[in-house]
Every structure is written in C-alpha cells, then in structure tokens.
C-alpha atoms as a PDB file:
ATOM      1  CA  UNK A   1       0.823 -39.020  12.656  1.00  0.00           C
ATOM      2  CA  UNK A   2      -1.338 -41.502  12.430  1.00  0.00           C
ATOM      3  CA  UNK A   3      -3.668 -40.277   9.518  1.00  0.00           C
ATOM      4  CA  UNK A   4      -3.810 -38.072   6.707  1.00  0.00           C
ATOM      5  CA  UNK A   5      -5.812 -35.305   8.074  1.00  0.00           C
ATOM      6  CA  UNK A   6      -4.441 -32.182  10.554  1.00  0.00           C
ATOM      7  CA  UNK A   7      -4.512 -32.324  14.187  1.00  0.00           C
ATOM      8  CA  UNK A   8      -7.177 -29.974  14.777  1.00  0.00           C
ATOM      9  CA  UNK A   9      -5.802 -29.968  18.337  1.00  0.00           C
ATOM     10  CA  UNK A  10      -2.151 -29.039  17.615  1.00  0.00           C
ATOM     11  CA  UNK A  11      -3.650 -26.176  15.147  1.00  0.00           C
ATOM     12  CA  UNK A  12      -6.216 -25.162  17.726  1.00  0.00           C
ATOM     13  CA  UNK A  13      -3.044 -24.679  20.265  1.00  0.00           C
ATOM     14  CA  UNK A  14      -0.857 -22.791  17.709  1.00  0.00           C
ATOM     15  CA  UNK A  15      -3.471 -20.516  16.808  1.00  0.00           C
ATOM     16  CA  UNK A  16      -4.320 -19.961  20.543  1.00  0.00           C
ATOM     17  CA  UNK A  17      -0.686 -19.293  21.336  1.00  0.00           C
ATOM     18  CA  UNK A  18      -0.436 -16.675  18.573  1.00  0.00           C
ATOM     19  CA  UNK A  19      -4.060 -14.898  18.565  1.00  0.00           C
ATOM     20  CA  UNK A  20      -5.946 -15.667  21.492  1.00  0.00           C
ATOM     21  CA  UNK A  21      -8.058 -17.150  18.818  1.00  0.00           C
ATOM     22  CA  UNK A  22      -9.503 -13.901  18.124  1.00  0.00           C
ATOM     23  CA  UNK A  23      -9.135 -12.769  14.571  1.00  0.00           C
ATOM     24  CA  UNK A  24      -6.637 -10.088  13.595  1.00  0.00           C
ATOM     25  CA  UNK A  25      -8.730  -7.122  12.008  1.00  0.00           C
ATOM     26  CA  UNK A  26      -9.226  -6.601   9.031  1.00  0.00           C
ATOM     27  CA  UNK A  27      -6.918  -3.783   8.044  1.00  0.00           C
ATOM     28  CA  UNK A  28      -7.992  -4.001   4.118  1.00  0.00           C
ATOM     29  CA  UNK A  29     -11.718  -3.309   4.666  1.00  0.00           C
ATOM     30  CA  UNK A  30     -11.195   0.102   3.585  1.00  0.00           C
ATOM     31  CA  UNK A  31     -10.257  -0.845  -0.156  1.00  0.00           C
ATOM     32  CA  UNK A  32     -13.060  -3.169  -0.209  1.00  0.00           C
ATOM     33  CA  UNK A  33     -15.224  -0.011   0.930  1.00  0.00           C
ATOM     34  CA  UNK A  34     -13.565   2.006  -2.047  1.00  0.00           C
ATOM     35  CA  UNK A  35     -13.800  -0.414  -4.385  1.00  0.00           C
ATOM     36  CA  UNK A  36     -17.542  -1.299  -3.639  1.00  0.00           C
ATOM     37  CA  UNK A  37     -18.396   2.620  -3.939  1.00  0.00           C
ATOM     38  CA  UNK A  38     -16.209   2.680  -7.448  1.00  0.00           C
ATOM     39  CA  UNK A  39     -18.281   0.418  -8.820  1.00  0.00           C
ATOM     40  CA  UNK A  40     -21.728   1.408  -7.007  1.00  0.00           C
ATOM     41  CA  UNK A  41     -23.819   2.645 -10.135  1.00  0.00           C
ATOM     42  CA  UNK A  42     -22.550  -1.002 -12.292  1.00  0.00           C
ATOM     43  CA  UNK A  43     -19.894   1.641 -13.860  1.00  0.00           C
ATOM     44  CA  UNK A  44     -16.193   3.088 -13.195  1.00  0.00           C
ATOM     45  CA  UNK A  45     -15.444   6.399 -14.291  1.00  0.00           C
ATOM     46  CA  UNK A  46     -11.859   7.659 -13.605  1.00  0.00           C
ATOM     47  CA  UNK A  47     -12.391  10.032 -10.852  1.00  0.00           C
ATOM     48  CA  UNK A  48     -13.740   6.716  -9.064  1.00  0.00           C
ATOM     49  CA  UNK A  49     -10.876   5.003  -9.659  1.00  0.00           C
ATOM     50  CA  UNK A  50      -8.432   8.177  -8.683  1.00  0.00           C
ATOM     51  CA  UNK A  51     -10.426   8.231  -5.403  1.00  0.00           C
ATOM     52  CA  UNK A  52      -9.846   4.087  -5.425  1.00  0.00           C
ATOM     53  CA  UNK A  53      -6.147   4.608  -6.319  1.00  0.00           C
ATOM     54  CA  UNK A  54      -5.633   6.859  -2.777  1.00  0.00           C
ATOM     55  CA  UNK A  55      -7.047   4.893  -0.927  1.00  0.00           C
ATOM     56  CA  UNK A  56      -4.537   1.988  -2.189  1.00  0.00           C
ATOM     57  CA  UNK A  57      -1.698   4.259  -1.769  1.00  0.00           C
ATOM     58  CA  UNK A  58      -2.624   4.953   1.715  1.00  0.00           C
ATOM     59  CA  UNK A  59      -1.961   1.686   3.008  1.00  0.00           C
ATOM     60  CA  UNK A  60       1.030  -0.845   3.481  1.00  0.00           C
ATOM     61  CA  UNK A  61       1.641  -4.484   2.939  1.00  0.00           C
ATOM     62  CA  UNK A  62      -0.026  -4.221  -0.486  1.00  0.00           C
ATOM     63  CA  UNK A  63       2.848  -6.408  -1.728  1.00  0.00           C
ATOM     64  CA  UNK A  64       0.267  -9.371  -2.849  1.00  0.00           C
ATOM     65  CA  UNK A  65      -2.882 -10.090  -4.754  1.00  0.00           C
ATOM     66  CA  UNK A  66      -5.248  -8.738  -5.249  1.00  0.00           C
ATOM     67  CA  UNK A  67      -4.405  -5.172  -3.919  1.00  0.00           C
ATOM     68  CA  UNK A  68      -0.704  -4.887  -6.146  1.00  0.00           C
ATOM     69  CA  UNK A  69      -2.445  -6.187  -9.299  1.00  0.00           C
ATOM     70  CA  UNK A  70      -5.472  -3.389  -8.854  1.00  0.00           C
ATOM     71  CA  UNK A  71      -2.997  -0.902  -7.846  1.00  0.00           C
ATOM     72  CA  UNK A  72      -1.048  -1.075 -10.938  1.00  0.00           C
ATOM     73  CA  UNK A  73      -3.447  -1.467 -13.424  1.00  0.00           C
ATOM     74  CA  UNK A  74      -4.892   2.012 -11.597  1.00  0.00           C
ATOM     75  CA  UNK A  75      -2.022   3.618 -12.308  1.00  0.00           C
ATOM     76  CA  UNK A  76      -1.415   2.607 -15.501  1.00  0.00           C
ATOM     77  CA  UNK A  77      -5.107   3.288 -16.644  1.00  0.00           C
ATOM     78  CA  UNK A  78      -5.017   6.766 -15.026  1.00  0.00           C
ATOM     79  CA  UNK A  79      -1.863   7.822 -16.994  1.00  0.00           C
ATOM     80  CA  UNK A  80      -2.988  10.577 -19.853  1.00  0.00           C
ATOM     81  CA  UNK A  81      -5.327   9.247 -22.657  1.00  0.00           C
ATOM     82  CA  UNK A  82      -5.015   5.692 -21.222  1.00  0.00           C
ATOM     83  CA  UNK A  83      -8.573   5.213 -20.209  1.00  0.00           C
ATOM     84  CA  UNK A  84     -10.636   3.471 -22.670  1.00  0.00           C
ATOM     85  CA  UNK A  85     -13.748   1.614 -22.619  1.00  0.00           C
ATOM     86  CA  UNK A  86     -12.013  -1.796 -22.847  1.00  0.00           C
ATOM     87  CA  UNK A  87     -10.218  -0.780 -19.234  1.00  0.00           C
ATOM     88  CA  UNK A  88     -12.936   0.203 -17.908  1.00  0.00           C
ATOM     89  CA  UNK A  89     -14.716  -3.353 -18.420  1.00  0.00           C
ATOM     90  CA  UNK A  90     -11.321  -4.813 -17.179  1.00  0.00           C
ATOM     91  CA  UNK A  91     -11.409  -2.876 -13.848  1.00  0.00           C
ATOM     92  CA  UNK A  92     -15.077  -3.320 -13.318  1.00  0.00           C
ATOM     93  CA  UNK A  93     -14.772  -7.069 -14.233  1.00  0.00           C
ATOM     94  CA  UNK A  94     -11.917  -7.403 -11.611  1.00  0.00           C
ATOM     95  CA  UNK A  95     -13.421  -5.387  -9.356  1.00  0.00           C
ATOM     96  CA  UNK A  96     -16.645  -7.088  -9.373  1.00  0.00           C
ATOM     97  CA  UNK A  97     -15.207 -10.574  -9.137  1.00  0.00           C
ATOM     98  CA  UNK A  98     -12.563  -9.852  -6.330  1.00  0.00           C
ATOM     99  CA  UNK A  99     -14.878  -7.220  -4.131  1.00  0.00           C
ATOM    100  CA  UNK A 100     -18.302  -8.276  -4.837  1.00  0.00           C
ATOM    101  CA  UNK A 101     -18.095 -12.254  -5.022  1.00  0.00           C
ATOM    102  CA  UNK A 102     -15.828 -12.611  -1.493  1.00  0.00           C
ATOM    103  CA  UNK A 103     -15.441 -16.138   0.008  1.00  0.00           C
ATOM    104  CA  UNK A 104     -16.932 -17.460  -3.263  1.00  0.00           C
ATOM    105  CA  UNK A 105     -14.641 -20.130  -5.499  1.00  0.00           C
ATOM    106  CA  UNK A 106     -17.524 -18.565  -8.131  1.00  0.00           C
ATOM    107  CA  UNK A 107     -15.227 -15.212  -8.013  1.00  0.00           C
ATOM    108  CA  UNK A 108     -11.929 -16.361  -8.904  1.00  0.00           C
ATOM    109  CA  UNK A 109     -12.679 -18.976 -11.073  1.00  0.00           C
ATOM    110  CA  UNK A 110     -14.530 -16.760 -13.128  1.00  0.00           C
ATOM    111  CA  UNK A 111     -11.588 -13.664 -12.964  1.00  0.00           C
ATOM    112  CA  UNK A 112      -9.068 -16.034 -14.000  1.00  0.00           C
ATOM    113  CA  UNK A 113     -10.637 -17.329 -17.303  1.00  0.00           C
ATOM    114  CA  UNK A 114     -11.428 -13.814 -18.699  1.00  0.00           C
ATOM    115  CA  UNK A 115      -9.373 -12.034 -20.856  1.00  0.00           C
ATOM    116  CA  UNK A 116      -8.225  -8.752 -18.950  1.00  0.00           C
ATOM    117  CA  UNK A 117      -5.302  -7.128 -20.809  1.00  0.00           C
ATOM    118  CA  UNK A 118      -5.421  -4.308 -18.423  1.00  0.00           C
ATOM    119  CA  UNK A 119      -4.835  -6.352 -15.396  1.00  0.00           C
ATOM    120  CA  UNK A 120      -2.523  -9.036 -17.027  1.00  0.00           C
ATOM    121  CA  UNK A 121      -2.859 -13.163 -16.372  1.00  0.00           C
ATOM    122  CA  UNK A 122      -4.486 -13.388 -13.304  1.00  0.00           C
ATOM    123  CA  UNK A 123      -3.525 -16.831 -12.481  1.00  0.00           C
ATOM    124  CA  UNK A 124       0.454 -16.426 -11.906  1.00  0.00           C
ATOM    125  CA  UNK A 125      -0.710 -13.315  -9.786  1.00  0.00           C
ATOM    126  CA  UNK A 126      -2.348 -15.271  -7.491  1.00  0.00           C
ATOM    127  CA  UNK A 127       1.060 -16.826  -5.956  1.00  0.00           C
ATOM    128  CA  UNK A 128       3.676 -15.161  -3.537  1.00  0.00           C
ATOM    129  CA  UNK A 129       7.481 -15.768  -4.216  1.00  0.00           C
ATOM    130  CA  UNK A 130       8.803 -17.724  -2.037  1.00  0.00           C
ATOM    131  CA  UNK A 131      11.643 -16.103  -0.142  1.00  0.00           C
ATOM    132  CA  UNK A 132      15.122 -17.957  -0.812  1.00  0.00           C
ATOM    133  CA  UNK A 133      15.710 -20.813   2.167  1.00  0.00           C
ATOM    134  CA  UNK A 134      12.041 -20.986   3.125  1.00  0.00           C
ATOM    135  CA  UNK A 135      11.774 -21.878   6.413  1.00  0.00           C
ATOM    136  CA  UNK A 136       8.604 -23.500   7.779  1.00  0.00           C
ATOM    137  CA  UNK A 137       9.331 -24.086  11.182  1.00  0.00           C
ATOM    138  CA  UNK A 138       6.385 -22.589  13.880  1.00  0.00           C
ATOM    139  CA  UNK A 139       4.675 -22.240  10.726  1.00  0.00           C
ATOM    140  CA  UNK A 140       0.962 -23.474   9.905  1.00  0.00           C
ATOM    141  CA  UNK A 141       1.056 -25.199   6.298  1.00  0.00           C
ATOM    142  CA  UNK A 142      -1.687 -26.157   4.037  1.00  0.00           C
ATOM    143  CA  UNK A 143      -1.570 -27.764   0.817  1.00  0.00           C
ATOM    144  CA  UNK A 144      -4.074 -28.335  -2.577  1.00  0.00           C
ATOM    145  CA  UNK A 145      -3.740 -30.821  -5.088  1.00  0.00           C
ATOM    146  CA  UNK A 146      -1.484 -33.768  -5.561  1.00  0.00           C
ATOM    147  CA  UNK A 147       2.191 -33.446  -5.273  1.00  0.00           C
ATOM    148  CA  UNK A 148       4.842 -34.936  -7.011  1.00  0.00           C
ATOM    149  CA  UNK A 149       5.559 -37.934  -5.274  1.00  0.00           C
ATOM    150  CA  UNK A 150       4.296 -37.680  -2.348  1.00  0.00           C
ATOM    151  CA  UNK A 151       1.284 -38.499  -0.398  1.00  0.00           C
ATOM    152  CA  UNK A 152      -0.497 -36.306   1.835  1.00  0.00           C
ATOM    153  CA  UNK A 153       0.334 -37.963   4.300  1.00  0.00           C
ATOM    154  CA  UNK A 154       3.808 -37.833   3.659  1.00  0.00           C
ATOM    155  CA  UNK A 155       3.419 -33.856   3.191  1.00  0.00           C
ATOM    156  CA  UNK A 156       2.231 -33.479   6.755  1.00  0.00           C
ATOM    157  CA  UNK A 157       5.369 -35.860   8.152  1.00  0.00           C
ATOM    158  CA  UNK A 158       7.609 -33.623   6.016  1.00  0.00           C
ATOM    159  CA  UNK A 159       6.089 -30.613   7.315  1.00  0.00           C
ATOM    160  CA  UNK A 160       6.450 -31.565  11.239  1.00  0.00           C
ATOM    161  CA  UNK A 161       9.747 -32.951  10.616  1.00  0.00           C
ATOM    162  CA  UNK A 162      10.559 -29.278   9.605  1.00  0.00           C
ATOM    163  CA  UNK A 163       9.455 -28.081  12.485  1.00  0.00           C
ATOM    164  CA  UNK A 164       5.881 -26.763  11.447  1.00  0.00           C
ATOM    165  CA  UNK A 165       2.647 -27.399  11.638  1.00  0.00           C
ATOM    166  CA  UNK A 166      -0.114 -29.335   9.133  1.00  0.00           C
ATOM    167  CA  UNK A 167      -3.017 -26.800   9.048  1.00  0.00           C
ATOM    168  CA  UNK A 168      -6.157 -26.941   7.140  1.00  0.00           C
ATOM    169  CA  UNK A 169      -8.393 -23.983   5.186  1.00  0.00           C
ATOM    170  CA  UNK A 170      -8.173 -21.341   8.059  1.00  0.00           C
ATOM    171  CA  UNK A 171      -7.722 -17.973   8.332  1.00  0.00           C
ATOM    172  CA  UNK A 172      -4.691 -18.991  10.053  1.00  0.00           C
ATOM    173  CA  UNK A 173      -2.641 -20.990   7.998  1.00  0.00           C
ATOM    174  CA  UNK A 174       0.879 -19.143   6.909  1.00  0.00           C
ATOM    175  CA  UNK A 175       1.442 -20.936   4.043  1.00  0.00           C
ATOM    176  CA  UNK A 176      -0.168 -22.540   1.446  1.00  0.00           C
ATOM    177  CA  UNK A 177       0.956 -25.084  -1.198  1.00  0.00           C
ATOM    178  CA  UNK A 178      -0.712 -25.429  -4.403  1.00  0.00           C
ATOM    179  CA  UNK A 179       0.643 -28.417  -6.567  1.00  0.00           C
ATOM    180  CA  UNK A 180       2.464 -27.994  -9.252  1.00  0.00           C
ATOM    181  CA  UNK A 181      -0.262 -30.315 -11.214  1.00  0.00           C
ATOM    182  CA  UNK A 182      -2.936 -27.276 -10.191  1.00  0.00           C
ATOM    183  CA  UNK A 183      -1.064 -24.547 -11.567  1.00  0.00           C
ATOM    184  CA  UNK A 184      -0.292 -26.126 -14.858  1.00  0.00           C
ATOM    185  CA  UNK A 185      -4.002 -26.831 -15.064  1.00  0.00           C
ATOM    186  CA  UNK A 186      -5.079 -22.997 -13.883  1.00  0.00           C
ATOM    187  CA  UNK A 187      -6.846 -24.499 -11.035  1.00  0.00           C
ATOM    188  CA  UNK A 188      -8.846 -22.892  -8.263  1.00  0.00           C
ATOM    189  CA  UNK A 189      -9.739 -25.386  -5.434  1.00  0.00           C
ATOM    190  CA  UNK A 190     -12.047 -24.439  -2.432  1.00  0.00           C
ATOM    191  CA  UNK A 191      -9.033 -24.326  -0.378  1.00  0.00           C
ATOM    192  CA  UNK A 192      -7.032 -22.298  -2.711  1.00  0.00           C
ATOM    193  CA  UNK A 193     -10.144 -19.645  -2.682  1.00  0.00           C
ATOM    194  CA  UNK A 194     -10.426 -19.873   0.890  1.00  0.00           C
ATOM    195  CA  UNK A 195      -6.316 -19.068   1.138  1.00  0.00           C
ATOM    196  CA  UNK A 196      -6.835 -15.918  -1.318  1.00  0.00           C
ATOM    197  CA  UNK A 197      -9.420 -14.647   0.510  1.00  0.00           C
ATOM    198  CA  UNK A 198      -7.739 -15.379   3.919  1.00  0.00           C
ATOM    199  CA  UNK A 199      -4.655 -13.420   2.687  1.00  0.00           C
ATOM    200  CA  UNK A 200      -6.751 -10.576   1.268  1.00  0.00           C
ATOM    201  CA  UNK A 201      -8.591 -10.147   4.763  1.00  0.00           C
ATOM    202  CA  UNK A 202      -6.472 -10.760   7.224  1.00  0.00           C
ATOM    203  CA  UNK A 203      -3.026 -10.788   5.541  1.00  0.00           C
ATOM    204  CA  UNK A 204      -1.700 -14.069   7.376  1.00  0.00           C
ATOM    205  CA  UNK A 205      -1.623 -16.478   4.325  1.00  0.00           C
ATOM    206  CA  UNK A 206       1.301 -16.803   1.949  1.00  0.00           C
ATOM    207  CA  UNK A 207       0.548 -19.047  -1.268  1.00  0.00           C
ATOM    208  CA  UNK A 208       3.344 -21.145  -2.575  1.00  0.00           C
ATOM    209  CA  UNK A 209       3.418 -23.496  -5.464  1.00  0.00           C
ATOM    210  CA  UNK A 210       4.752 -26.880  -4.555  1.00  0.00           C
ATOM    211  CA  UNK A 211       8.342 -26.248  -5.655  1.00  0.00           C
ATOM    212  CA  UNK A 212       8.871 -23.791  -2.613  1.00  0.00           C
ATOM    213  CA  UNK A 213       7.997 -26.648  -0.374  1.00  0.00           C
ATOM    214  CA  UNK A 214       9.500 -29.969  -2.399  1.00  0.00           C
ATOM    215  CA  UNK A 215      13.031 -27.844  -2.355  1.00  0.00           C
ATOM    216  CA  UNK A 216      12.305 -26.390   1.375  1.00  0.00           C
ATOM    217  CA  UNK A 217      14.959 -29.099   3.493  1.00  0.00           C
END
C-alpha cells in the first residue's frame, strides 16, 4: 500500500460485492422509537420502562451496546421495590444521550462522563469481546488512535497481509480497533462514535481493543 490511507476503490468493491451498495435495513428502529416514546415528556415511568423492555425482548442480536446495557438496567430497575428517582434519572440520561443524540460525538462523550450507577461503567461496555483466534480475512477493518509500535500505514499493511481490507468510517466496516492509549484515556474519537452508531443501527461493526489486533496473527 503506497500511503497511510485506505484504498477507496477496494472498499467500494468489497461493499458492492457484499451489499450491492445498498445499506441493510435498520433492524433496531423499533427500539429507538420505543425509547423515544418512553421519555417523550422528559421523564420515564415504570410502565413506559416495561413497554420498552418488551420491545427489547421481542428482538434478537442484542448482545452489544447500547441494547445489552439498557436491557440489563431495565430488568434490574423493574424488580420489586427497585424503582427510585435515581434509577429514573440514570435511565433518562442514558436513553436521551444514546437515542436522541444519535450520530454525534456529543451524546457518547457526555454519557461516559456521567455517574450512572444503574447502567454501570459505560466505557468498557462500548467494546465487544473479541473471539479467540479472531480472523480478519475478508473483513473491512478500521482503526482509531496511535497503536503501540505501529504506524497507521503498518496497520493497514498488516490487515492486507492477513487477508483483510483497510476501511474507513463507513457503516460497512466489520472490525473497528481502538488503540490502548484511547482506552486508557477513555477517549471517544469521531471515528469511534461513528462505529458505535453503525453497530447500533445495522449490527455490522464490531469494536475491539488494540490487543485483539496486535495478537491476531
């Protein structure tokens, strides 16, 4: 690869082969609609939280942020005698920042800066657990942050050596790798925010820490 930039022609060809350049359906729009209805008047009640929980349980493939976090928190909040003003506040802040501030860096950045005991520590929950022996062959891969001992050009070259394709911030990216330095600083870049939104909208992108890439041979 002659430069430290992805080859747009390769990306376009890979996406065209896979999707015909048509975006997949937004499978999760019923959750977004139910979430916004739950906080429509600037608050959330147990009854509306229960309705949102029903919408979540009716869908599958919810094993990643924000859906797994919200599903767990709603389940805990709706246990007998567990609903409190503090729980209501946490759910309201979470839902408004994840769903009302979609496609912006602001919503995610504000979210991880908040103290939300009901939701737990948000930042680690943004990441997927990399499977053992993660293969990137045939996958579109992108990065954010400075990787230990590797320039961005070297990262792209390694992706190609391993049979993958260097990608960009598009919705079609399969694997998004976040530098350890970003993780340690709890940073969210524009690219990271785009990857979170793409995963939540289309279920395509998986977000991994740098170690998943560095240890992938």
